[in-house]
Amino acid sequence: MVTVELAVAIPALLIVLAMVLGGVSLGIDQVRCVDAARLAARAVARGDPASTAIATATRAAPGGARVALSSGGGRVTTTVGVRREVLGVGFDVSATSVADLEADP
């Protein structure tokens, strides 16, 4: 009887563990996207070239992330996103940051 219960419990525990680890991985990717978007928006707001801001965001973002910049109305908006799969289910993780462009002194 114990063998049957163990044979059912172990795969169930492994699935739960995989789900928890996948969730933690998605959370880490979310934080990295937030940081990357913030860094890029701040760099452009300071007056750095867009290519430098994108390179900075790419270094801070999770692997395979997309970085998009747009500006207008005295503001710059940066979006960083990445697609991840956890147990065969796809998730889009992204973050957006907005910064006011700094005026030249």
N, C-alpha and C. Protein backbone atom coordinates (compact mmCIF):
# COMPACT_ATOMS: atom_id res chain seq x y z
N MET A 1 0.81 -1.18 0.00
CA MET A 1 0.00 0.00 0.00
C MET A 1 0.86 1.26 0.00
N VAL A 2 1.90 1.27 0.78
CA VAL A 2 2.77 2.44 0.86
C VAL A 2 3.48 2.67 -0.47
N THR A 3 3.85 1.61 -1.15
CA THR A 3 4.54 1.74 -2.42
C THR A 3 3.66 2.44 -3.45
N VAL A 4 2.39 2.11 -3.50
CA VAL A 4 1.47 2.74 -4.44
C VAL A 4 1.31 4.23 -4.11
N GLU A 5 1.17 4.54 -2.83
CA GLU A 5 1.03 5.93 -2.43
C GLU A 5 2.28 6.72 -2.77
N LEU A 6 3.43 6.12 -2.56
CA LEU A 6 4.69 6.78 -2.88
C LEU A 6 4.84 6.96 -4.39
N ALA A 7 4.40 5.98 -5.16
CA ALA A 7 4.49 6.07 -6.62
C ALA A 7 3.61 7.19 -7.17
N VAL A 8 2.54 7.53 -6.49
CA VAL A 8 1.67 8.62 -6.90
C VAL A 8 2.17 9.96 -6.34
N ALA A 9 2.67 9.95 -5.12
CA ALA A 9 3.08 11.18 -4.46
C ALA A 9 4.34 11.80 -5.06
N ILE A 10 5.31 10.99 -5.41
CA ILE A 10 6.58 11.53 -5.92
C ILE A 10 6.39 12.31 -7.22
N PRO A 11 5.70 11.77 -8.23
CA PRO A 11 5.49 12.59 -9.44
C PRO A 11 4.68 13.86 -9.16
N ALA A 12 3.72 13.80 -8.27
CA ALA A 12 2.93 14.98 -7.93
C ALA A 12 3.82 16.03 -7.27
N LEU A 13 4.69 15.62 -6.38
CA LEU A 13 5.62 16.55 -5.74
C LEU A 13 6.59 17.16 -6.75
N LEU A 14 7.04 16.37 -7.71
CA LEU A 14 7.94 16.88 -8.73
C LEU A 14 7.25 17.92 -9.61
N ILE A 15 6.00 17.69 -9.93
CA ILE A 15 5.24 18.66 -10.73
C ILE A 15 5.06 19.97 -9.95
N VAL A 16 4.71 19.87 -8.68
CA VAL A 16 4.55 21.07 -7.85
C VAL A 16 5.88 21.80 -7.73
N LEU A 17 6.98 21.07 -7.54
CA LEU A 17 8.29 21.69 -7.46
C LEU A 17 8.65 22.42 -8.76
N ALA A 18 8.37 21.79 -9.89
CA ALA A 18 8.64 22.42 -11.19
C ALA A 18 7.81 23.68 -11.36
N MET A 19 6.56 23.67 -10.91
CA MET A 19 5.71 24.85 -11.01
C MET A 19 6.24 25.98 -10.13
N VAL A 20 6.67 25.65 -8.93
CA VAL A 20 7.21 26.67 -8.02
C VAL A 20 8.49 27.26 -8.58
N LEU A 21 9.39 26.42 -9.07
CA LEU A 21 10.64 26.91 -9.64
C LEU A 21 10.38 27.76 -10.89
N GLY A 22 9.40 27.36 -11.70
CA GLY A 22 9.04 28.15 -12.88
C GLY A 22 8.49 29.50 -12.48
N GLY A 23 7.67 29.54 -11.43
CA GLY A 23 7.13 30.81 -10.94
C GLY A 23 8.22 31.73 -10.42
N VAL A 24 9.17 31.17 -9.71
CA VAL A 24 10.29 31.97 -9.21
C VAL A 24 11.11 32.50 -10.37
N SER A 25 11.32 31.68 -11.38
CA SER A 25 12.07 32.12 -12.56
C SER A 25 11.35 33.26 -13.28
N LEU A 26 10.03 33.17 -13.39
CA LEU A 26 9.26 34.26 -14.01
C LEU A 26 9.36 35.53 -13.18
N GLY A 27 9.35 35.40 -11.87
CA GLY A 27 9.49 36.55 -10.99
C GLY A 27 10.84 37.24 -11.16
N ILE A 28 11.89 36.45 -11.27
CA ILE A 28 13.23 37.00 -11.48
C ILE A 28 13.30 37.71 -12.82
N ASP A 29 12.72 37.10 -13.86
CA ASP A 29 12.71 37.75 -15.18
C ASP A 29 11.93 39.06 -15.14
N GLN A 30 10.84 39.11 -14.37
CA GLN A 30 10.05 40.34 -14.25
C GLN A 30 10.88 41.45 -13.62
N VAL A 31 11.58 41.13 -12.55
CA VAL A 31 12.42 42.13 -11.88
C VAL A 31 13.52 42.62 -12.81
N ARG A 32 14.12 41.70 -13.57
CA ARG A 32 15.18 42.10 -14.50
C ARG A 32 14.62 42.99 -15.61
N CYS A 33 13.40 42.71 -16.08
CA CYS A 33 12.77 43.57 -17.10
C CYS A 33 12.49 44.96 -16.53
N VAL A 34 12.02 45.04 -15.31
CA VAL A 34 11.76 46.33 -14.67
C VAL A 34 13.06 47.13 -14.57
N ASP A 35 14.11 46.49 -14.09
CA ASP A 35 15.41 47.17 -13.96
C ASP A 35 15.93 47.64 -15.31
N ALA A 36 15.83 46.78 -16.32
CA ALA A 36 16.34 47.13 -17.65
C ALA A 36 15.56 48.31 -18.24
N ALA A 37 14.24 48.29 -18.10
CA ALA A 37 13.42 49.39 -18.62
C ALA A 37 13.75 50.70 -17.91
N ARG A 38 13.94 50.64 -16.61
CA ARG A 38 14.27 51.83 -15.84
C ARG A 38 15.64 52.39 -16.25
N LEU A 39 16.62 51.51 -16.41
CA LEU A 39 17.95 51.95 -16.81
C LEU A 39 17.94 52.64 -18.18
N ALA A 40 17.23 52.03 -19.13
CA ALA A 40 17.20 52.60 -20.48
C ALA A 40 16.47 53.94 -20.50
N ALA A 41 15.33 54.01 -19.81
CA ALA A 41 14.57 55.28 -19.79
C ALA A 41 15.40 56.39 -19.16
N ARG A 42 16.08 56.06 -18.10
CA ARG A 42 16.91 57.07 -17.42
C ARG A 42 18.07 57.51 -18.30
N ALA A 43 18.67 56.56 -19.02
CA ALA A 43 19.81 56.90 -19.89
C ALA A 43 19.37 57.85 -21.00
N VAL A 44 18.23 57.59 -21.63
CA VAL A 44 17.75 58.47 -22.70
C VAL A 44 17.35 59.82 -22.12
N ALA A 45 16.73 59.83 -20.94
CA ALA A 45 16.33 61.09 -20.31
C ALA A 45 17.55 61.96 -20.01
N ARG A 46 18.67 61.34 -19.69
CA ARG A 46 19.91 62.08 -19.42
C ARG A 46 20.52 62.65 -20.68
N GLY A 47 20.13 62.10 -21.83
CA GLY A 47 20.68 62.58 -23.09
C GLY A 47 21.60 61.60 -23.78
N ASP A 48 21.71 60.39 -23.25
CA ASP A 48 22.53 59.37 -23.91
C ASP A 48 21.86 58.95 -25.22
N PRO A 49 22.65 58.51 -26.20
CA PRO A 49 22.05 58.04 -27.46
C PRO A 49 21.17 56.81 -27.24
N ALA A 50 20.20 56.63 -28.11
CA ALA A 50 19.29 55.49 -27.99
C ALA A 50 20.04 54.17 -28.07
N SER A 51 21.07 54.10 -28.91
CA SER A 51 21.82 52.85 -29.03
C SER A 51 22.51 52.48 -27.72
N THR A 52 23.00 53.47 -27.00
CA THR A 52 23.62 53.21 -25.69
C THR A 52 22.58 52.73 -24.69
N ALA A 53 21.42 53.35 -24.70
CA ALA A 53 20.35 52.96 -23.77
C ALA A 53 19.88 51.54 -24.06
N ILE A 54 19.74 51.21 -25.34
CA ILE A 54 19.32 49.85 -25.71
C ILE A 54 20.37 48.83 -25.29
N ALA A 55 21.63 49.15 -25.49
CA ALA A 55 22.71 48.25 -25.08
C ALA A 55 22.71 48.05 -23.56
N THR A 56 22.48 49.12 -22.82
CA THR A 56 22.41 49.03 -21.36
C THR A 56 21.24 48.15 -20.93
N ALA A 57 20.09 48.36 -21.55
CA ALA A 57 18.90 47.56 -21.22
C ALA A 57 19.10 46.10 -21.58
N THR A 58 19.73 45.84 -22.71
CA THR A 58 19.96 44.46 -23.15
C THR A 58 20.87 43.72 -22.17
N ARG A 59 21.87 44.42 -21.64
CA ARG A 59 22.76 43.79 -20.67
C ARG A 59 22.02 43.46 -19.37
N ALA A 60 21.11 44.32 -18.95
CA ALA A 60 20.40 44.13 -17.68
C ALA A 60 19.21 43.18 -17.80
N ALA A 61 18.67 43.05 -19.01
CA ALA A 61 17.46 42.26 -19.22
C ALA A 61 17.79 40.77 -19.28
N PRO A 62 16.76 39.93 -19.11
CA PRO A 62 16.97 38.50 -19.29
C PRO A 62 17.33 38.18 -20.74
N GLY A 63 17.97 37.07 -20.96
CA GLY A 63 18.37 36.67 -22.31
C GLY A 63 17.18 36.59 -23.25
N GLY A 64 17.36 37.09 -24.47
CA GLY A 64 16.31 37.04 -25.48
C GLY A 64 15.27 38.12 -25.36
N ALA A 65 15.49 39.10 -24.51
CA ALA A 65 14.50 40.17 -24.29
C ALA A 65 14.47 41.15 -25.45
N ARG A 66 13.30 41.74 -25.66
CA ARG A 66 13.10 42.79 -26.66
C ARG A 66 13.08 44.13 -25.94
N VAL A 67 13.74 45.12 -26.53
CA VAL A 67 13.79 46.46 -25.95
C VAL A 67 13.22 47.44 -26.98
N ALA A 68 12.27 48.26 -26.56
CA ALA A 68 11.68 49.26 -27.45
C ALA A 68 11.70 50.62 -26.76
N LEU A 69 12.10 51.64 -27.52
CA LEU A 69 12.13 53.02 -27.02
C LEU A 69 11.20 53.88 -27.85
N SER A 70 10.54 54.80 -27.20
CA SER A 70 9.77 55.81 -27.92
C SER A 70 9.81 57.09 -27.09
N SER A 71 9.75 58.22 -27.79
CA SER A 71 9.77 59.48 -27.06
C SER A 71 8.81 60.46 -27.72
N GLY A 72 8.35 61.39 -26.93
CA GLY A 72 7.44 62.40 -27.41
C GLY A 72 6.86 63.16 -26.24
N GLY A 73 6.58 64.43 -26.44
CA GLY A 73 6.00 65.25 -25.39
C GLY A 73 6.91 65.45 -24.20
N GLY A 74 8.21 65.43 -24.44
CA GLY A 74 9.14 65.64 -23.34
C GLY A 74 9.37 64.43 -22.47
N ARG A 75 8.93 63.25 -22.94
CA ARG A 75 9.09 62.02 -22.17
C ARG A 75 9.65 60.91 -23.05
N VAL A 76 10.29 59.98 -22.41
CA VAL A 76 10.76 58.78 -23.10
C VAL A 76 10.12 57.56 -22.41
N THR A 77 9.68 56.63 -23.23
CA THR A 77 9.06 55.41 -22.73
C THR A 77 9.87 54.22 -23.20
N THR A 78 10.22 53.35 -22.29
CA THR A 78 11.00 52.16 -22.61
C THR A 78 10.20 50.93 -22.21
N THR A 79 10.13 49.96 -23.10
CA THR A 79 9.46 48.69 -22.80
C THR A 79 10.44 47.56 -23.03
N VAL A 80 10.54 46.68 -22.06
CA VAL A 80 11.41 45.51 -22.16
C VAL A 80 10.53 44.29 -21.92
N GLY A 81 10.61 43.33 -22.82
CA GLY A 81 9.78 42.13 -22.69
C GLY A 81 10.48 40.89 -23.15
N VAL A 82 10.04 39.76 -22.62
CA VAL A 82 10.61 38.47 -22.98
C VAL A 82 9.52 37.41 -22.89
N ARG A 83 9.60 36.39 -23.72
CA ARG A 83 8.64 35.28 -23.70
C ARG A 83 9.31 34.08 -23.06
N ARG A 84 8.66 33.48 -22.07
CA ARG A 84 9.19 32.32 -21.37
C ARG A 84 8.16 31.20 -21.35
N GLU A 85 8.64 29.97 -21.28
CA GLU A 85 7.76 28.81 -21.15
C GLU A 85 8.02 28.12 -19.83
N VAL A 86 6.94 27.80 -19.13
CA VAL A 86 7.02 27.03 -17.90
C VAL A 86 6.08 25.85 -18.04
N LEU A 87 6.63 24.66 -18.01
CA LEU A 87 5.87 23.42 -18.16
C LEU A 87 5.00 23.43 -19.42
N GLY A 88 5.56 23.96 -20.50
CA GLY A 88 4.86 23.97 -21.77
C GLY A 88 3.85 25.10 -21.95
N VAL A 89 3.73 25.98 -20.98
CA VAL A 89 2.80 27.10 -21.06
C VAL A 89 3.63 28.37 -21.27
N GLY A 90 3.29 29.16 -22.29
CA GLY A 90 4.03 30.38 -22.59
C GLY A 90 3.54 31.57 -21.78
N PHE A 91 4.49 32.35 -21.31
CA PHE A 91 4.19 33.57 -20.55
C PHE A 91 4.96 34.73 -21.15
N ASP A 92 4.32 35.89 -21.26
CA ASP A 92 4.98 37.12 -21.67
C ASP A 92 5.27 37.93 -20.42
N VAL A 93 6.54 38.22 -20.21
CA VAL A 93 6.96 39.02 -19.07
C VAL A 93 7.47 40.35 -19.64
N SER A 94 6.93 41.46 -19.15
CA SER A 94 7.38 42.75 -19.68
C SER A 94 7.25 43.84 -18.62
N ALA A 95 7.95 44.93 -18.89
CA ALA A 95 7.90 46.09 -18.00
C ALA A 95 8.06 47.34 -18.84
N THR A 96 7.44 48.42 -18.40
CA THR A 96 7.52 49.71 -19.08
C THR A 96 7.95 50.76 -18.07
N SER A 97 8.82 51.65 -18.52
CA SER A 97 9.28 52.75 -17.67
C SER A 97 9.18 54.05 -18.46
N VAL A 98 8.77 55.11 -17.78
CA VAL A 98 8.64 56.43 -18.39
C VAL A 98 9.49 57.42 -17.60
N ALA A 99 10.24 58.26 -18.33
CA ALA A 99 11.05 59.29 -17.68
C ALA A 99 10.91 60.59 -18.45
N ASP A 100 10.93 61.69 -17.72
CA ASP A 100 10.91 63.02 -18.34
C ASP A 100 12.30 63.33 -18.88
N LEU A 101 12.35 63.89 -20.08
CA LEU A 101 13.63 64.29 -20.65
C LEU A 101 14.19 65.48 -19.86
N GLU A 102 15.47 65.41 -19.56
CA GLU A 102 16.10 66.48 -18.80
C GLU A 102 16.44 67.63 -19.74
N ALA A 103 16.23 68.83 -19.28
CA ALA A 103 16.54 70.02 -20.06
C ALA A 103 18.03 70.31 -19.99
N ASP A 104 18.59 70.80 -21.08
CA ASP A 104 20.00 71.20 -21.09
C ASP A 104 20.16 72.47 -20.27
N PRO A 105 21.21 72.53 -19.43
CA PRO A 105 21.40 73.73 -18.59
C PRO A 105 21.84 74.92 -19.40
